[in-house]
Amino acid sequence: PAVEGAGLVAAATPEGAMPGMAVADAAQLTATLAAIDLDNRTATLQFADGSSKTVPVRPDVDLSKHKAGEQIVFQMSEMITVEVIRP
């Protein structure tokens, strides 16, 4: 889905070092809480474009305080690193 708020950071190795880089991406999204699985600590999110995704929920989030149909705002982050090494 379209990203409502996002940030991107990229870094490369210094000149003279073996090639490599790191890229980190963070986004803030809004979705509808379609379902909650208390036993497995997952939530199914429904996005505005009609897609849905089941995601794990952190242990510090009290799922009993939420119910299907709620609008939620959450943050996602992802990081990729590339390192080149000699065989």
N, C-alpha and C. Protein backbone atom coordinates (compact mmCIF):
# COMPACT_ATOMS: atom_id res chain seq x y z
N PRO A 1 0.82 -1.22 0.00
CA PRO A 1 0.00 0.00 0.00
C PRO A 1 0.85 1.27 0.00
N ALA A 2 0.23 2.36 -0.32
CA ALA A 2 0.94 3.64 -0.33
C ALA A 2 1.46 3.94 1.07
N VAL A 3 2.64 4.50 1.13
CA VAL A 3 3.28 4.80 2.41
C VAL A 3 2.86 6.20 2.85
N GLU A 4 2.37 6.32 4.07
CA GLU A 4 1.91 7.60 4.59
C GLU A 4 3.06 8.45 5.11
N GLY A 5 4.03 7.84 5.76
CA GLY A 5 5.20 8.54 6.28
C GLY A 5 6.37 7.59 6.18
N ALA A 6 7.48 8.06 5.64
CA ALA A 6 8.59 7.14 5.43
C ALA A 6 9.92 7.85 5.60
N GLY A 7 10.95 7.05 5.82
CA GLY A 7 12.31 7.56 5.90
C GLY A 7 13.25 6.51 5.33
N LEU A 8 14.32 6.95 4.69
CA LEU A 8 15.27 6.04 4.09
C LEU A 8 16.68 6.52 4.41
N VAL A 9 17.55 5.58 4.81
CA VAL A 9 18.93 5.90 5.10
C VAL A 9 19.81 4.91 4.34
N ALA A 10 20.86 5.41 3.70
CA ALA A 10 21.80 4.54 2.99
C ALA A 10 23.22 4.95 3.37
N ALA A 11 24.10 3.97 3.46
CA ALA A 11 25.50 4.24 3.80
C ALA A 11 26.39 3.27 3.03
N ALA A 12 27.54 3.76 2.61
CA ALA A 12 28.51 2.93 1.89
C ALA A 12 29.80 2.86 2.70
N THR A 13 30.62 1.87 2.36
CA THR A 13 31.91 1.74 3.05
C THR A 13 32.83 2.89 2.63
N PRO A 14 33.81 3.21 3.47
CA PRO A 14 34.73 4.30 3.13
C PRO A 14 35.60 3.94 1.92
N GLU A 15 36.09 4.96 1.25
CA GLU A 15 36.95 4.76 0.10
C GLU A 15 38.18 3.94 0.50
N GLY A 16 38.52 2.95 -0.33
CA GLY A 16 39.66 2.10 -0.05
C GLY A 16 39.30 0.80 0.66
N ALA A 17 38.14 0.73 1.25
CA ALA A 17 37.69 -0.49 1.93
C ALA A 17 37.02 -1.41 0.92
N MET A 18 36.81 -2.67 1.33
CA MET A 18 36.08 -3.59 0.47
C MET A 18 34.68 -3.02 0.23
N PRO A 19 34.14 -3.20 -0.98
CA PRO A 19 32.81 -2.65 -1.28
C PRO A 19 31.73 -3.21 -0.35
N GLY A 20 30.80 -2.38 0.00
CA GLY A 20 29.68 -2.79 0.83
C GLY A 20 28.75 -1.63 1.06
N MET A 21 27.56 -1.92 1.55
CA MET A 21 26.61 -0.85 1.83
C MET A 21 25.51 -1.36 2.75
N ALA A 22 24.79 -0.43 3.34
CA ALA A 22 23.63 -0.75 4.17
C ALA A 22 22.53 0.22 3.81
N VAL A 23 21.30 -0.30 3.76
CA VAL A 23 20.13 0.53 3.47
C VAL A 23 19.07 0.19 4.52
N ALA A 24 18.52 1.22 5.16
CA ALA A 24 17.45 1.03 6.14
C ALA A 24 16.26 1.86 5.70
N ASP A 25 15.08 1.27 5.84
CA ASP A 25 13.84 1.91 5.41
C ASP A 25 12.83 1.81 6.56
N ALA A 26 12.13 2.89 6.84
CA ALA A 26 11.09 2.88 7.87
C ALA A 26 9.85 3.55 7.31
N ALA A 27 8.68 3.04 7.69
CA ALA A 27 7.43 3.60 7.19
C ALA A 27 6.37 3.56 8.28
N GLN A 28 5.49 4.53 8.28
CA GLN A 28 4.34 4.56 9.18
C GLN A 28 3.09 4.37 8.32
N LEU A 29 2.26 3.39 8.68
CA LEU A 29 1.08 3.03 7.91
C LEU A 29 -0.17 3.01 8.78
N THR A 30 -1.31 3.12 8.14
CA THR A 30 -2.60 2.97 8.81
C THR A 30 -3.33 1.80 8.16
N ALA A 31 -3.95 0.96 8.97
CA ALA A 31 -4.68 -0.19 8.45
C ALA A 31 -5.87 -0.47 9.38
N THR A 32 -6.77 -1.31 8.91
CA THR A 32 -7.89 -1.77 9.73
C THR A 32 -7.51 -3.13 10.30
N LEU A 33 -7.74 -3.30 11.57
CA LEU A 33 -7.47 -4.56 12.24
C LEU A 33 -8.59 -5.53 11.85
N ALA A 34 -8.27 -6.50 11.00
CA ALA A 34 -9.28 -7.42 10.48
C ALA A 34 -9.50 -8.60 11.44
N ALA A 35 -8.42 -9.09 12.07
CA ALA A 35 -8.54 -10.24 12.98
C ALA A 35 -7.36 -10.26 13.93
N ILE A 36 -7.59 -10.87 15.10
CA ILE A 36 -6.54 -11.04 16.12
C ILE A 36 -6.49 -12.51 16.50
N ASP A 37 -5.29 -13.07 16.55
CA ASP A 37 -5.07 -14.43 17.03
C ASP A 37 -4.27 -14.32 18.33
N LEU A 38 -4.97 -14.40 19.46
CA LEU A 38 -4.33 -14.25 20.76
C LEU A 38 -3.32 -15.35 21.05
N ASP A 39 -3.65 -16.60 20.66
CA ASP A 39 -2.76 -17.73 20.95
C ASP A 39 -1.42 -17.60 20.23
N ASN A 40 -1.45 -17.15 18.99
CA ASN A 40 -0.21 -17.03 18.20
C ASN A 40 0.36 -15.63 18.18
N ARG A 41 -0.30 -14.68 18.86
CA ARG A 41 0.13 -13.27 18.93
C ARG A 41 0.35 -12.68 17.54
N THR A 42 -0.68 -12.83 16.69
CA THR A 42 -0.65 -12.24 15.36
C THR A 42 -1.89 -11.39 15.14
N ALA A 43 -1.77 -10.47 14.20
CA ALA A 43 -2.90 -9.63 13.81
C ALA A 43 -2.96 -9.61 12.29
N THR A 44 -4.17 -9.68 11.76
CA THR A 44 -4.36 -9.56 10.31
C THR A 44 -4.79 -8.14 10.03
N LEU A 45 -4.02 -7.47 9.16
CA LEU A 45 -4.26 -6.07 8.82
C LEU A 45 -4.85 -5.96 7.42
N GLN A 46 -5.85 -5.13 7.27
CA GLN A 46 -6.48 -4.86 5.97
C GLN A 46 -6.11 -3.45 5.55
N PHE A 47 -5.51 -3.32 4.36
CA PHE A 47 -5.05 -2.02 3.87
C PHE A 47 -6.06 -1.40 2.92
N ALA A 48 -5.94 -0.11 2.69
CA ALA A 48 -6.88 0.65 1.87
C ALA A 48 -6.97 0.10 0.44
N ASP A 49 -5.89 -0.49 -0.06
CA ASP A 49 -5.91 -1.01 -1.43
C ASP A 49 -6.57 -2.39 -1.53
N GLY A 50 -7.09 -2.91 -0.40
CA GLY A 50 -7.77 -4.20 -0.39
C GLY A 50 -6.89 -5.37 0.00
N SER A 51 -5.58 -5.17 0.04
CA SER A 51 -4.68 -6.26 0.42
C SER A 51 -4.71 -6.44 1.93
N SER A 52 -4.28 -7.61 2.37
CA SER A 52 -4.19 -7.88 3.81
C SER A 52 -2.92 -8.65 4.09
N LYS A 53 -2.48 -8.58 5.34
CA LYS A 53 -1.26 -9.27 5.76
C LYS A 53 -1.38 -9.62 7.23
N THR A 54 -0.98 -10.84 7.57
CA THR A 54 -0.95 -11.27 8.96
C THR A 54 0.47 -11.07 9.47
N VAL A 55 0.59 -10.36 10.60
CA VAL A 55 1.90 -9.99 11.12
C VAL A 55 2.02 -10.39 12.59
N PRO A 56 3.25 -10.69 13.06
CA PRO A 56 3.44 -10.96 14.48
C PRO A 56 3.31 -9.66 15.28
N VAL A 57 2.87 -9.78 16.53
CA VAL A 57 2.69 -8.63 17.41
C VAL A 57 3.67 -8.75 18.57
N ARG A 58 4.33 -7.64 18.89
CA ARG A 58 5.32 -7.63 19.99
C ARG A 58 4.68 -8.06 21.32
N PRO A 59 5.46 -8.67 22.19
CA PRO A 59 4.95 -9.13 23.49
C PRO A 59 4.44 -8.00 24.38
N ASP A 60 4.95 -6.77 24.22
CA ASP A 60 4.52 -5.67 25.09
C ASP A 60 3.20 -5.04 24.66
N VAL A 61 2.60 -5.51 23.57
CA VAL A 61 1.30 -4.98 23.12
C VAL A 61 0.20 -5.86 23.72
N ASP A 62 -0.74 -5.24 24.45
CA ASP A 62 -1.85 -5.97 25.07
C ASP A 62 -2.96 -6.14 24.03
N LEU A 63 -2.99 -7.31 23.39
CA LEU A 63 -3.97 -7.56 22.34
C LEU A 63 -5.40 -7.61 22.86
N SER A 64 -5.59 -7.89 24.14
CA SER A 64 -6.95 -7.97 24.69
C SER A 64 -7.65 -6.61 24.69
N LYS A 65 -6.90 -5.53 24.53
CA LYS A 65 -7.49 -4.19 24.51
C LYS A 65 -7.93 -3.76 23.10
N HIS A 66 -7.77 -4.64 22.12
CA HIS A 66 -8.10 -4.30 20.74
C HIS A 66 -9.13 -5.26 20.18
N LYS A 67 -9.85 -4.81 19.13
CA LYS A 67 -10.86 -5.67 18.51
C LYS A 67 -10.87 -5.41 17.00
N ALA A 68 -11.39 -6.37 16.29
CA ALA A 68 -11.49 -6.26 14.84
C ALA A 68 -12.31 -5.02 14.47
N GLY A 69 -11.90 -4.36 13.40
CA GLY A 69 -12.58 -3.15 12.93
C GLY A 69 -11.89 -1.87 13.32
N GLU A 70 -10.97 -1.93 14.29
CA GLU A 70 -10.24 -0.72 14.72
C GLU A 70 -9.26 -0.27 13.65
N GLN A 71 -9.10 1.04 13.54
CA GLN A 71 -8.05 1.61 12.71
C GLN A 71 -6.79 1.68 13.57
N ILE A 72 -5.68 1.22 13.03
CA ILE A 72 -4.44 1.27 13.79
C ILE A 72 -3.35 1.93 12.95
N VAL A 73 -2.41 2.55 13.65
CA VAL A 73 -1.24 3.14 13.03
C VAL A 73 -0.04 2.36 13.54
N PHE A 74 0.81 1.93 12.65
CA PHE A 74 1.96 1.15 13.07
C PHE A 74 3.18 1.53 12.24
N GLN A 75 4.34 1.11 12.72
CA GLN A 75 5.59 1.40 12.03
C GLN A 75 6.24 0.10 11.60
N MET A 76 6.79 0.12 10.40
CA MET A 76 7.54 -1.02 9.89
C MET A 76 8.95 -0.55 9.56
N SER A 77 9.93 -1.42 9.75
CA SER A 77 11.29 -1.08 9.34
C SER A 77 11.94 -2.31 8.75
N GLU A 78 12.91 -2.06 7.89
CA GLU A 78 13.60 -3.14 7.21
C GLU A 78 15.01 -2.67 6.91
N MET A 79 15.98 -3.58 7.00
CA MET A 79 17.37 -3.21 6.72
C MET A 79 18.00 -4.28 5.86
N ILE A 80 18.79 -3.83 4.91
CA ILE A 80 19.52 -4.74 4.02
C ILE A 80 20.98 -4.32 4.04
N THR A 81 21.86 -5.30 4.18
CA THR A 81 23.29 -5.01 4.11
C THR A 81 23.93 -5.86 3.02
N VAL A 82 24.93 -5.30 2.37
CA VAL A 82 25.68 -6.01 1.33
C VAL A 82 27.16 -5.90 1.68
N GLU A 83 27.84 -7.02 1.70
CA GLU A 83 29.27 -7.03 1.96
C GLU A 83 29.94 -7.88 0.88
N VAL A 84 30.99 -7.38 0.29
CA VAL A 84 31.74 -8.13 -0.71
C VAL A 84 33.01 -8.65 -0.05
N ILE A 85 33.21 -9.97 -0.15
CA ILE A 85 34.41 -10.58 0.45
C ILE A 85 35.17 -11.38 -0.61
N ARG A 86 36.45 -11.51 -0.42
CA ARG A 86 37.27 -12.32 -1.33
C ARG A 86 37.03 -13.78 -1.04
N PRO A 87 36.95 -14.61 -2.10
CA PRO A 87 36.76 -16.07 -1.88
C PRO A 87 37.98 -16.71 -1.25
